[in-house]
Amino acid sequence: MIAQKAIRVKAIWDNEARVWVATSEDVPGLITESENLEDLVQKLKTLIPELLEANGSISKFKGTEIPFNLLSERSEIASCKGS
């Protein structure tokens, strides 16, 4: 089997909404959110093939498996308690 290039999906934590928001330049129209990363992965497993098929891009993925990498980013603040 020929190795396929994995789709890159970026998830950023929205602190105000308290959800992970995922988008991808590799999958036009992909934007979804979830309260945790595990649920987000499950959503992506459904949405990625659906959107690729809707966009006519599914033919470049041979077989039934579409690899994707989920890159997450969350910014926080740590406080230093000086003496």
N, C-alpha and C. Protein backbone atom coordinates (compact mmCIF):
# COMPACT_ATOMS: atom_id res chain seq x y z
N MET A 1 0.84 -1.19 0.00
CA MET A 1 0.00 0.00 0.00
C MET A 1 0.88 1.25 0.00
N ILE A 2 0.55 2.21 -0.80
CA ILE A 2 1.30 3.46 -0.88
C ILE A 2 0.86 4.37 0.26
N ALA A 3 1.86 4.94 0.95
CA ALA A 3 1.56 5.83 2.07
C ALA A 3 0.88 7.10 1.55
N GLN A 4 -0.18 7.49 2.22
CA GLN A 4 -0.91 8.70 1.85
C GLN A 4 -0.50 9.84 2.76
N LYS A 5 -0.51 11.02 2.22
CA LYS A 5 -0.23 12.19 3.03
C LYS A 5 -1.42 12.40 3.97
N ALA A 6 -1.13 12.57 5.24
CA ALA A 6 -2.19 12.77 6.23
C ALA A 6 -2.75 14.18 6.13
N ILE A 7 -4.04 14.27 6.31
CA ILE A 7 -4.72 15.57 6.35
C ILE A 7 -4.37 16.24 7.67
N ARG A 8 -4.10 17.53 7.61
CA ARG A 8 -3.78 18.29 8.83
C ARG A 8 -5.04 19.02 9.30
N VAL A 9 -5.38 18.77 10.55
CA VAL A 9 -6.52 19.44 11.18
C VAL A 9 -5.99 20.17 12.40
N LYS A 10 -6.36 21.42 12.54
CA LYS A 10 -5.91 22.22 13.68
C LYS A 10 -7.09 22.46 14.61
N ALA A 11 -6.88 22.19 15.90
CA ALA A 11 -7.91 22.43 16.91
C ALA A 11 -7.39 23.48 17.89
N ILE A 12 -8.16 24.52 18.07
CA ILE A 12 -7.79 25.59 19.00
C ILE A 12 -8.85 25.69 20.08
N TRP A 13 -8.41 25.79 21.32
CA TRP A 13 -9.31 25.90 22.45
C TRP A 13 -9.90 27.30 22.50
N ASP A 14 -11.24 27.39 22.51
CA ASP A 14 -11.95 28.65 22.67
C ASP A 14 -12.36 28.74 24.14
N ASN A 15 -11.61 29.51 24.90
CA ASN A 15 -11.82 29.59 26.34
C ASN A 15 -13.18 30.18 26.69
N GLU A 16 -13.64 31.12 25.89
CA GLU A 16 -14.94 31.75 26.15
C GLU A 16 -16.09 30.76 25.95
N ALA A 17 -16.05 30.03 24.86
CA ALA A 17 -17.11 29.06 24.56
C ALA A 17 -16.87 27.71 25.24
N ARG A 18 -15.64 27.49 25.73
CA ARG A 18 -15.26 26.24 26.41
C ARG A 18 -15.37 25.03 25.48
N VAL A 19 -14.90 25.21 24.23
CA VAL A 19 -14.91 24.13 23.25
C VAL A 19 -13.63 24.16 22.42
N TRP A 20 -13.29 23.02 21.85
CA TRP A 20 -12.24 22.92 20.85
C TRP A 20 -12.87 23.20 19.49
N VAL A 21 -12.25 24.07 18.71
CA VAL A 21 -12.74 24.40 17.37
C VAL A 21 -11.72 23.87 16.35
N ALA A 22 -12.18 22.99 15.46
CA ALA A 22 -11.29 22.36 14.48
C ALA A 22 -11.56 22.88 13.08
N THR A 23 -10.48 23.16 12.35
CA THR A 23 -10.55 23.57 10.95
C THR A 23 -9.40 22.89 10.19
N SER A 24 -9.49 22.90 8.87
CA SER A 24 -8.42 22.33 8.06
C SER A 24 -8.38 22.98 6.69
N GLU A 25 -7.20 23.38 6.27
CA GLU A 25 -7.03 23.89 4.91
C GLU A 25 -7.10 22.76 3.89
N ASP A 26 -6.88 21.53 4.35
CA ASP A 26 -6.90 20.36 3.46
C ASP A 26 -8.32 19.87 3.16
N VAL A 27 -9.29 20.30 3.97
CA VAL A 27 -10.68 19.86 3.81
C VAL A 27 -11.57 21.10 3.75
N PRO A 28 -11.85 21.58 2.54
CA PRO A 28 -12.69 22.79 2.42
C PRO A 28 -14.03 22.63 3.12
N GLY A 29 -14.38 23.65 3.91
CA GLY A 29 -15.65 23.65 4.61
C GLY A 29 -15.62 23.02 5.99
N LEU A 30 -14.47 22.45 6.37
CA LEU A 30 -14.41 21.79 7.67
C LEU A 30 -14.31 22.81 8.80
N ILE A 31 -15.30 22.83 9.64
CA ILE A 31 -15.28 23.57 10.90
C ILE A 31 -16.27 22.88 11.82
N THR A 32 -15.76 22.45 12.95
CA THR A 32 -16.60 21.77 13.92
C THR A 32 -16.04 22.04 15.31
N GLU A 33 -16.84 21.75 16.31
CA GLU A 33 -16.40 22.01 17.68
C GLU A 33 -16.87 20.90 18.60
N SER A 34 -16.17 20.78 19.73
CA SER A 34 -16.53 19.81 20.74
C SER A 34 -15.92 20.22 22.08
N GLU A 35 -16.53 19.76 23.16
CA GLU A 35 -16.04 20.10 24.49
C GLU A 35 -14.75 19.36 24.86
N ASN A 36 -14.47 18.23 24.19
CA ASN A 36 -13.22 17.51 24.49
C ASN A 36 -12.65 16.93 23.20
N LEU A 37 -11.37 16.60 23.26
CA LEU A 37 -10.66 16.15 22.06
C LEU A 37 -11.12 14.78 21.58
N GLU A 38 -11.48 13.89 22.49
CA GLU A 38 -11.93 12.56 22.06
C GLU A 38 -13.21 12.64 21.23
N ASP A 39 -14.16 13.45 21.68
CA ASP A 39 -15.40 13.63 20.91
C ASP A 39 -15.12 14.33 19.58
N LEU A 40 -14.16 15.25 19.60
CA LEU A 40 -13.79 15.96 18.37
C LEU A 40 -13.23 14.98 17.34
N VAL A 41 -12.39 14.06 17.78
CA VAL A 41 -11.83 13.05 16.87
C VAL A 41 -12.95 12.22 16.24
N GLN A 42 -13.92 11.82 17.03
CA GLN A 42 -15.04 11.03 16.51
C GLN A 42 -15.83 11.82 15.46
N LYS A 43 -16.05 13.11 15.71
CA LYS A 43 -16.74 13.95 14.73
C LYS A 43 -15.94 14.04 13.43
N LEU A 44 -14.62 14.20 13.57
CA LEU A 44 -13.75 14.35 12.40
C LEU A 44 -13.73 13.07 11.55
N LYS A 45 -13.82 11.93 12.20
CA LYS A 45 -13.83 10.66 11.46
C LYS A 45 -15.06 10.55 10.55
N THR A 46 -16.11 11.24 10.89
CA THR A 46 -17.32 11.26 10.07
C THR A 46 -17.27 12.41 9.07
N LEU A 47 -16.93 13.60 9.54
CA LEU A 47 -16.98 14.80 8.70
C LEU A 47 -15.95 14.82 7.57
N ILE A 48 -14.74 14.37 7.84
CA ILE A 48 -13.68 14.45 6.82
C ILE A 48 -14.07 13.70 5.55
N PRO A 49 -14.46 12.42 5.62
CA PRO A 49 -14.85 11.73 4.37
C PRO A 49 -16.08 12.36 3.71
N GLU A 50 -17.06 12.79 4.53
CA GLU A 50 -18.26 13.41 3.96
C GLU A 50 -17.92 14.68 3.19
N LEU A 51 -17.09 15.52 3.78
CA LEU A 51 -16.73 16.79 3.11
C LEU A 51 -15.85 16.55 1.89
N LEU A 52 -14.92 15.60 1.98
CA LEU A 52 -14.08 15.30 0.82
C LEU A 52 -14.91 14.79 -0.34
N GLU A 53 -15.89 13.96 -0.04
CA GLU A 53 -16.78 13.46 -1.09
C GLU A 53 -17.62 14.60 -1.68
N ALA A 54 -18.16 15.45 -0.81
CA ALA A 54 -18.97 16.58 -1.27
C ALA A 54 -18.16 17.54 -2.13
N ASN A 55 -16.87 17.67 -1.84
CA ASN A 55 -15.99 18.57 -2.59
C ASN A 55 -15.36 17.90 -3.81
N GLY A 56 -15.67 16.61 -4.02
CA GLY A 56 -15.10 15.90 -5.17
C GLY A 56 -13.64 15.55 -5.01
N SER A 57 -13.14 15.54 -3.77
CA SER A 57 -11.72 15.27 -3.52
C SER A 57 -11.45 13.86 -3.05
N ILE A 58 -12.48 13.06 -2.85
CA ILE A 58 -12.30 11.73 -2.28
C ILE A 58 -11.50 10.81 -3.20
N SER A 59 -11.50 11.07 -4.50
CA SER A 59 -10.83 10.18 -5.44
C SER A 59 -9.31 10.15 -5.24
N LYS A 60 -8.72 11.18 -4.67
CA LYS A 60 -7.27 11.17 -4.48
C LYS A 60 -6.85 10.33 -3.27
N PHE A 61 -7.81 9.85 -2.51
CA PHE A 61 -7.53 8.98 -1.38
C PHE A 61 -7.87 7.55 -1.77
N LYS A 62 -6.85 6.74 -1.91
CA LYS A 62 -7.04 5.37 -2.34
C LYS A 62 -7.49 4.52 -1.15
N GLY A 63 -8.41 3.62 -1.37
CA GLY A 63 -8.90 2.78 -0.29
C GLY A 63 -9.94 3.50 0.53
N THR A 64 -10.21 2.98 1.68
CA THR A 64 -11.26 3.55 2.52
C THR A 64 -10.73 4.32 3.72
N GLU A 65 -9.42 4.28 3.95
CA GLU A 65 -8.86 4.96 5.12
C GLU A 65 -8.27 6.30 4.71
N ILE A 66 -8.60 7.32 5.49
CA ILE A 66 -8.08 8.67 5.25
C ILE A 66 -7.35 9.10 6.51
N PRO A 67 -6.02 9.10 6.47
CA PRO A 67 -5.27 9.48 7.67
C PRO A 67 -5.36 10.99 7.92
N PHE A 68 -5.45 11.35 9.20
CA PHE A 68 -5.40 12.77 9.54
C PHE A 68 -4.63 12.97 10.84
N ASN A 69 -3.97 14.12 10.93
CA ASN A 69 -3.25 14.53 12.13
C ASN A 69 -4.00 15.67 12.77
N LEU A 70 -4.30 15.53 14.06
CA LEU A 70 -4.98 16.57 14.80
C LEU A 70 -3.95 17.31 15.65
N LEU A 71 -3.75 18.57 15.33
CA LEU A 71 -2.81 19.41 16.06
C LEU A 71 -3.60 20.33 16.97
N SER A 72 -3.39 20.22 18.27
CA SER A 72 -4.17 21.04 19.20
C SER A 72 -3.32 22.15 19.81
N GLU A 73 -3.98 23.26 20.08
CA GLU A 73 -3.30 24.42 20.66
C GLU A 73 -4.20 25.04 21.72
N ARG A 74 -3.62 25.22 22.90
CA ARG A 74 -4.36 25.82 24.00
C ARG A 74 -3.41 26.71 24.78
N SER A 75 -3.79 27.95 24.97
CA SER A 75 -2.97 28.90 25.72
C SER A 75 -3.54 29.07 27.11
N GLU A 76 -2.65 29.06 28.09
CA GLU A 76 -3.03 29.24 29.49
C GLU A 76 -2.03 30.17 30.14
N ILE A 77 -2.30 30.56 31.38
CA ILE A 77 -1.41 31.43 32.14
C ILE A 77 -1.10 30.75 33.46
N ALA A 78 0.18 30.70 33.79
CA ALA A 78 0.63 30.16 35.07
C ALA A 78 1.02 31.34 35.95
N SER A 79 0.63 31.30 37.21
CA SER A 79 0.95 32.40 38.13
C SER A 79 2.12 32.00 39.03
N CYS A 80 3.02 32.95 39.23
CA CYS A 80 4.15 32.76 40.13
C CYS A 80 3.82 33.44 41.45
N LYS A 81 3.94 32.73 42.52
CA LYS A 81 3.69 33.31 43.82
C LYS A 81 5.05 33.57 44.46
N GLY A 82 5.48 34.82 44.42
CA GLY A 82 6.78 35.18 44.98
C GLY A 82 6.73 35.28 46.51
N SER A 83 7.92 35.24 47.14
CA SER A 83 7.95 35.34 48.59
C SER A 83 8.10 36.75 49.08
